[in-house]
Structure formats: C-alpha cells, structure tokens
Amino acid sequence: MTTDRTLTPGATMPRHEQRIEQLDLIRYAGASGDFNRLHWDGEYAATASPTAGVIVHGMLNIALLLRVVGDWVGGDDRIVSTSVSLRAPCPVGALVSFHARVAEVDERAGSAVLAVGAELPDGAPVIDAKRSRVTVRLG
C-alpha cells in the first residue's frame, strides 16, 4: 500500500501479473450477467473471436486493474473516476501485467491522476496506458 507522500508525479505502482483462467470468466459472467459466447464457448470462439479462442471480458480486465490500483493507493474507496481504453482482446489463460504511474497530483483538489495499463506477455496492450486514467483521492 502506498501513502500520499509516495503519490508524487512519476511514482510507479509495482507491476502486478495475473493469469486469467476460464474459472475467472465463469465467476465474472455470473456476477455481471455477461454470458456472451466469446467468453465461454471454445468452439464458437474458434470461429468468431479475433484470437480464434475464448477471450476475457474487457470489464473483467478493468476490474482486476482497479483492484490492484485500489490496493496500492490505500483502498478502493479512494478511486474517484476512471477513463479506460481497451485495445486488444485478451485470450483466456493469458498472463496479464497491470501497471500504474502517477501522471499528476492536484493538492488543491486532493487528488492524483494515474496513467494505467495492462499488457500481454508479447507487449500487446490490453488496456492502453497512453489513453487510460484513474483519478484517486488523496488522504
């Protein structure tokens, strides 16, 4: 967990890697109600998915990123807003690397803006760090 003293421009969250398995997709589908066949039906996904296989829900990738960011900044309750750009499909079973960097701090507003992203092992951006931001409350 970080403190407000470490939320200075340029500070980086330790990278967090997570392998996203089919069971994660099943749990997410049950919680979200998103039962799109691309997320569970391998035969269908082989013909319809851009990866020729089952892909992770984009919103699940965002949720996993926000959980890691929340842990780093001292709690999910400090997350004020998000603006996220999904870039590439994430195949089930992929090891995803989540990261964040403090882009700016506004002491008057009591907030910091983090540039956030996620990549696959080959460097393909799942969440585009150049276009994705999370604003967190200081203190």
C-alpha atoms as a PDB file:
ATOM      1  CA  MET A   1       0.000   0.000   0.000  1.00  0.00           C
ATOM      2  CA  THR A   2       1.193   3.488  -0.809  1.00  0.00           C
ATOM      3  CA  THR A   3       0.837   6.701   1.165  1.00  0.00           C
ATOM      4  CA  ASP A   4       0.041  10.202  -0.059  1.00  0.00           C
ATOM      5  CA  ARG A   5       3.755  11.004   0.254  1.00  0.00           C
ATOM      6  CA  THR A   6       4.542   8.401  -2.410  1.00  0.00           C
ATOM      7  CA  LEU A   7       1.833   9.632  -4.795  1.00  0.00           C
ATOM      8  CA  THR A   8       4.173  12.063  -6.487  1.00  0.00           C
ATOM      9  CA  PRO A   9       4.412  12.610 -10.240  1.00  0.00           C
ATOM     10  CA  GLY A  10       6.319   9.742 -11.814  1.00  0.00           C
ATOM     11  CA  ALA A  11       5.852   7.319  -8.907  1.00  0.00           C
ATOM     12  CA  THR A  12       5.008   3.837 -10.152  1.00  0.00           C
ATOM     13  CA  MET A  13       2.965   1.032  -8.723  1.00  0.00           C
ATOM     14  CA  PRO A  14       4.787  -2.293  -8.644  1.00  0.00           C
ATOM     15  CA  ARG A  15       3.681  -4.323 -11.661  1.00  0.00           C
ATOM     16  CA  HIS A  16       1.131  -6.977 -10.840  1.00  0.00           C
ATOM     17  CA  GLU A  17       0.865 -10.070 -13.005  1.00  0.00           C
ATOM     18  CA  GLN A  18      -2.163 -12.311 -13.040  1.00  0.00           C
ATOM     19  CA  ARG A  19      -3.073 -15.291 -15.173  1.00  0.00           C
ATOM     20  CA  ILE A  20      -6.748 -15.071 -16.084  1.00  0.00           C
ATOM     21  CA  GLU A  21      -8.292 -18.536 -16.282  1.00  0.00           C
ATOM     22  CA  GLN A  22     -11.637 -19.853 -17.513  1.00  0.00           C
ATOM     23  CA  LEU A  23     -12.917 -20.110 -13.932  1.00  0.00           C
ATOM     24  CA  ASP A  24     -12.356 -16.336 -13.542  1.00  0.00           C
ATOM     25  CA  LEU A  25     -14.524 -15.763 -16.629  1.00  0.00           C
ATOM     26  CA  ILE A  26     -17.270 -18.041 -15.316  1.00  0.00           C
ATOM     27  CA  ARG A  27     -17.335 -16.219 -11.985  1.00  0.00           C
ATOM     28  CA  TYR A  28     -17.371 -12.833 -13.715  1.00  0.00           C
ATOM     29  CA  ALA A  29     -20.153 -13.897 -16.092  1.00  0.00           C
ATOM     30  CA  GLY A  30     -22.261 -14.996 -13.134  1.00  0.00           C
ATOM     31  CA  ALA A  31     -21.687 -11.743 -11.283  1.00  0.00           C
ATOM     32  CA  SER A  32     -22.139  -9.450 -14.293  1.00  0.00           C
ATOM     33  CA  GLY A  33     -24.730 -11.330 -16.316  1.00  0.00           C
ATOM     34  CA  ASP A  34     -22.456 -11.161 -19.396  1.00  0.00           C
ATOM     35  CA  PHE A  35     -22.747 -14.634 -20.895  1.00  0.00           C
ATOM     36  CA  ASN A  36     -21.509 -13.746 -24.380  1.00  0.00           C
ATOM     37  CA  ARG A  37     -20.343 -16.972 -26.036  1.00  0.00           C
ATOM     38  CA  LEU A  38     -16.926 -15.442 -26.806  1.00  0.00           C
ATOM     39  CA  HIS A  39     -16.170 -15.780 -23.088  1.00  0.00           C
ATOM     40  CA  TRP A  40     -17.026 -19.451 -22.580  1.00  0.00           C
ATOM     41  CA  ASP A  41     -17.732 -21.407 -25.778  1.00  0.00           C
ATOM     42  CA  GLY A  42     -14.417 -22.543 -27.274  1.00  0.00           C
ATOM     43  CA  GLU A  43     -15.980 -23.980 -30.416  1.00  0.00           C
ATOM     44  CA  TYR A  44     -17.884 -20.784 -31.150  1.00  0.00           C
ATOM     45  CA  ALA A  45     -14.928 -18.564 -30.194  1.00  0.00           C
ATOM     46  CA  ALA A  46     -12.650 -20.517 -32.549  1.00  0.00           C
ATOM     47  CA  THR A  47     -14.638 -19.089 -35.469  1.00  0.00           C
ATOM     48  CA  ALA A  48     -15.831 -15.734 -34.093  1.00  0.00           C
ATOM     49  CA  SER A  49     -13.056 -14.413 -31.836  1.00  0.00           C
ATOM     50  CA  PRO A  50     -10.178 -12.249 -33.093  1.00  0.00           C
ATOM     51  CA  THR A  51      -7.848 -14.608 -31.193  1.00  0.00           C
ATOM     52  CA  ALA A  52      -9.554 -17.764 -32.535  1.00  0.00           C
ATOM     53  CA  GLY A  53     -10.290 -18.702 -28.939  1.00  0.00           C
ATOM     54  CA  VAL A  54     -12.119 -17.713 -25.778  1.00  0.00           C
ATOM     55  CA  ILE A  55     -11.378 -14.133 -24.668  1.00  0.00           C
ATOM     56  CA  VAL A  56     -11.546 -12.398 -21.308  1.00  0.00           C
ATOM     57  CA  HIS A  57     -14.333  -9.877 -20.664  1.00  0.00           C
ATOM     58  CA  GLY A  58     -12.917  -6.384 -21.148  1.00  0.00           C
ATOM     59  CA  MET A  59     -14.673  -5.225 -17.998  1.00  0.00           C
ATOM     60  CA  LEU A  60     -13.057  -8.083 -16.046  1.00  0.00           C
ATOM     61  CA  ASN A  61      -9.635  -6.775 -17.073  1.00  0.00           C
ATOM     62  CA  ILE A  62     -10.667  -3.315 -15.882  1.00  0.00           C
ATOM     63  CA  ALA A  63     -11.986  -4.695 -12.589  1.00  0.00           C
ATOM     64  CA  LEU A  64      -8.727  -6.570 -11.949  1.00  0.00           C
ATOM     65  CA  LEU A  65      -6.725  -3.420 -12.714  1.00  0.00           C
ATOM     66  CA  LEU A  66      -8.863  -1.312 -10.369  1.00  0.00           C
ATOM     67  CA  ARG A  67      -8.498  -3.869  -7.567  1.00  0.00           C
ATOM     68  CA  VAL A  68      -4.691  -3.659  -7.825  1.00  0.00           C
ATOM     69  CA  VAL A  69      -4.747   0.148  -8.039  1.00  0.00           C
ATOM     70  CA  GLY A  70      -7.106   0.317  -5.045  1.00  0.00           C
ATOM     71  CA  ASP A  71      -4.766  -1.892  -3.029  1.00  0.00           C
ATOM     72  CA  TRP A  72      -1.821   0.337  -3.963  1.00  0.00           C
ATOM     73  CA  VAL A  73      -3.463   3.656  -3.081  1.00  0.00           C
ATOM     74  CA  GLY A  74      -4.938   2.520   0.213  1.00  0.00           C
ATOM     75  CA  GLY A  75      -8.398   1.241  -0.659  1.00  0.00           C
ATOM     76  CA  ASP A  76     -10.995   1.034  -3.403  1.00  0.00           C
ATOM     77  CA  ASP A  77     -12.877   3.873  -1.722  1.00  0.00           C
ATOM     78  CA  ARG A  78     -10.112   6.253  -2.854  1.00  0.00           C
ATOM     79  CA  ILE A  79     -10.863   5.643  -6.547  1.00  0.00           C
ATOM     80  CA  VAL A  80     -12.850   8.628  -7.792  1.00  0.00           C
ATOM     81  CA  SER A  81     -13.147   8.064 -11.546  1.00  0.00           C
ATOM     82  CA  THR A  82     -11.849   6.018 -14.436  1.00  0.00           C
ATOM     83  CA  SER A  83     -11.408   6.507 -18.155  1.00  0.00           C
ATOM     84  CA  VAL A  84     -10.129   3.361 -19.806  1.00  0.00           C
ATOM     85  CA  SER A  85      -9.327   2.455 -23.397  1.00  0.00           C
ATOM     86  CA  LEU A  86      -9.413  -1.260 -24.194  1.00  0.00           C
ATOM     87  CA  ARG A  87      -7.047  -2.043 -27.074  1.00  0.00           C
ATOM     88  CA  ALA A  88      -6.583  -5.762 -27.706  1.00  0.00           C
ATOM     89  CA  PRO A  89      -8.523  -8.907 -26.878  1.00  0.00           C
ATOM     90  CA  CYS A  90      -7.102 -10.908 -24.009  1.00  0.00           C
ATOM     91  CA  PRO A  91      -7.052 -14.684 -24.528  1.00  0.00           C
ATOM     92  CA  VAL A  92      -8.186 -16.871 -21.647  1.00  0.00           C
ATOM     93  CA  GLY A  93      -5.135 -18.266 -19.849  1.00  0.00           C
ATOM     94  CA  ALA A  94      -3.041 -15.180 -20.614  1.00  0.00           C
ATOM     95  CA  LEU A  95      -0.665 -13.742 -18.049  1.00  0.00           C
ATOM     96  CA  VAL A  96      -1.626 -10.066 -17.850  1.00  0.00           C
ATOM     97  CA  SER A  97       0.673  -7.408 -16.400  1.00  0.00           C
ATOM     98  CA  PHE A  98      -1.124  -4.477 -14.738  1.00  0.00           C
ATOM     99  CA  HIS A  99       0.677  -1.199 -14.000  1.00  0.00           C
ATOM    100  CA  ALA A 100       0.105   2.418 -12.937  1.00  0.00           C
ATOM    101  CA  ARG A 101       2.161   5.610 -12.853  1.00  0.00           C
ATOM    102  CA  VAL A 102       1.270   8.902 -11.167  1.00  0.00           C
ATOM    103  CA  ALA A 103       0.795  11.356 -14.033  1.00  0.00           C
ATOM    104  CA  GLU A 104      -0.167  14.385 -11.925  1.00  0.00           C
ATOM    105  CA  VAL A 105      -1.086  15.437  -8.405  1.00  0.00           C
ATOM    106  CA  ASP A 106      -3.516  18.240  -7.598  1.00  0.00           C
ATOM    107  CA  GLU A 107      -3.061  19.109  -3.922  1.00  0.00           C
ATOM    108  CA  ARG A 108      -5.873  21.692  -4.063  1.00  0.00           C
ATOM    109  CA  ALA A 109      -8.357  19.136  -5.358  1.00  0.00           C
ATOM    110  CA  GLY A 110      -6.894  16.463  -3.093  1.00  0.00           C
ATOM    111  CA  SER A 111      -6.438  14.024  -5.965  1.00  0.00           C
ATOM    112  CA  ALA A 112      -3.902  12.297  -8.175  1.00  0.00           C
ATOM    113  CA  VAL A 113      -4.309  11.099 -11.741  1.00  0.00           C
ATOM    114  CA  LEU A 114      -2.728   7.762 -12.592  1.00  0.00           C
ATOM    115  CA  ALA A 115      -1.859   6.546 -16.077  1.00  0.00           C
ATOM    116  CA  VAL A 116      -2.857   2.880 -16.011  1.00  0.00           C
ATOM    117  CA  GLY A 117      -2.448  -0.036 -18.362  1.00  0.00           C
ATOM    118  CA  ALA A 118      -2.255  -3.760 -18.892  1.00  0.00           C
ATOM    119  CA  GLU A 119      -0.256  -5.818 -21.367  1.00  0.00           C
ATOM    120  CA  LEU A 120       0.070  -9.360 -22.570  1.00  0.00           C
ATOM    121  CA  PRO A 121       3.498 -11.049 -22.406  1.00  0.00           C
ATOM    122  CA  ASP A 122       4.211 -10.047 -26.035  1.00  0.00           C
ATOM    123  CA  GLY A 123       3.651  -6.391 -25.118  1.00  0.00           C
ATOM    124  CA  ALA A 124       0.234  -6.101 -26.781  1.00  0.00           C
ATOM    125  CA  PRO A 125      -1.760  -3.542 -24.780  1.00  0.00           C
ATOM    126  CA  VAL A 126      -4.996  -4.890 -23.346  1.00  0.00           C
ATOM    127  CA  ILE A 127      -5.597  -1.549 -21.595  1.00  0.00           C
ATOM    128  CA  ASP A 128      -3.863   1.371 -23.331  1.00  0.00           C
ATOM    129  CA  ALA A 129      -1.699   3.258 -20.810  1.00  0.00           C
ATOM    130  CA  LYS A 130      -1.431   6.253 -23.131  1.00  0.00           C
ATOM    131  CA  ARG A 131      -5.207   6.784 -23.037  1.00  0.00           C
ATOM    132  CA  SER A 132      -6.332   5.291 -19.706  1.00  0.00           C
ATOM    133  CA  ARG A 133      -6.539   7.211 -16.441  1.00  0.00           C
ATOM    134  CA  VAL A 134      -7.719   6.600 -12.893  1.00  0.00           C
ATOM    135  CA  THR A 135      -8.252   9.535 -10.537  1.00  0.00           C
ATOM    136  CA  VAL A 136      -7.724   8.779  -6.858  1.00  0.00           C
ATOM    137  CA  ARG A 137      -8.450  10.794  -3.730  1.00  0.00           C
ATOM    138  CA  LEU A 138      -5.508  11.762  -1.549  1.00  0.00           C
ATOM    139  CA  GLY A 139      -5.734  11.248   2.196  1.00  0.00           C
END
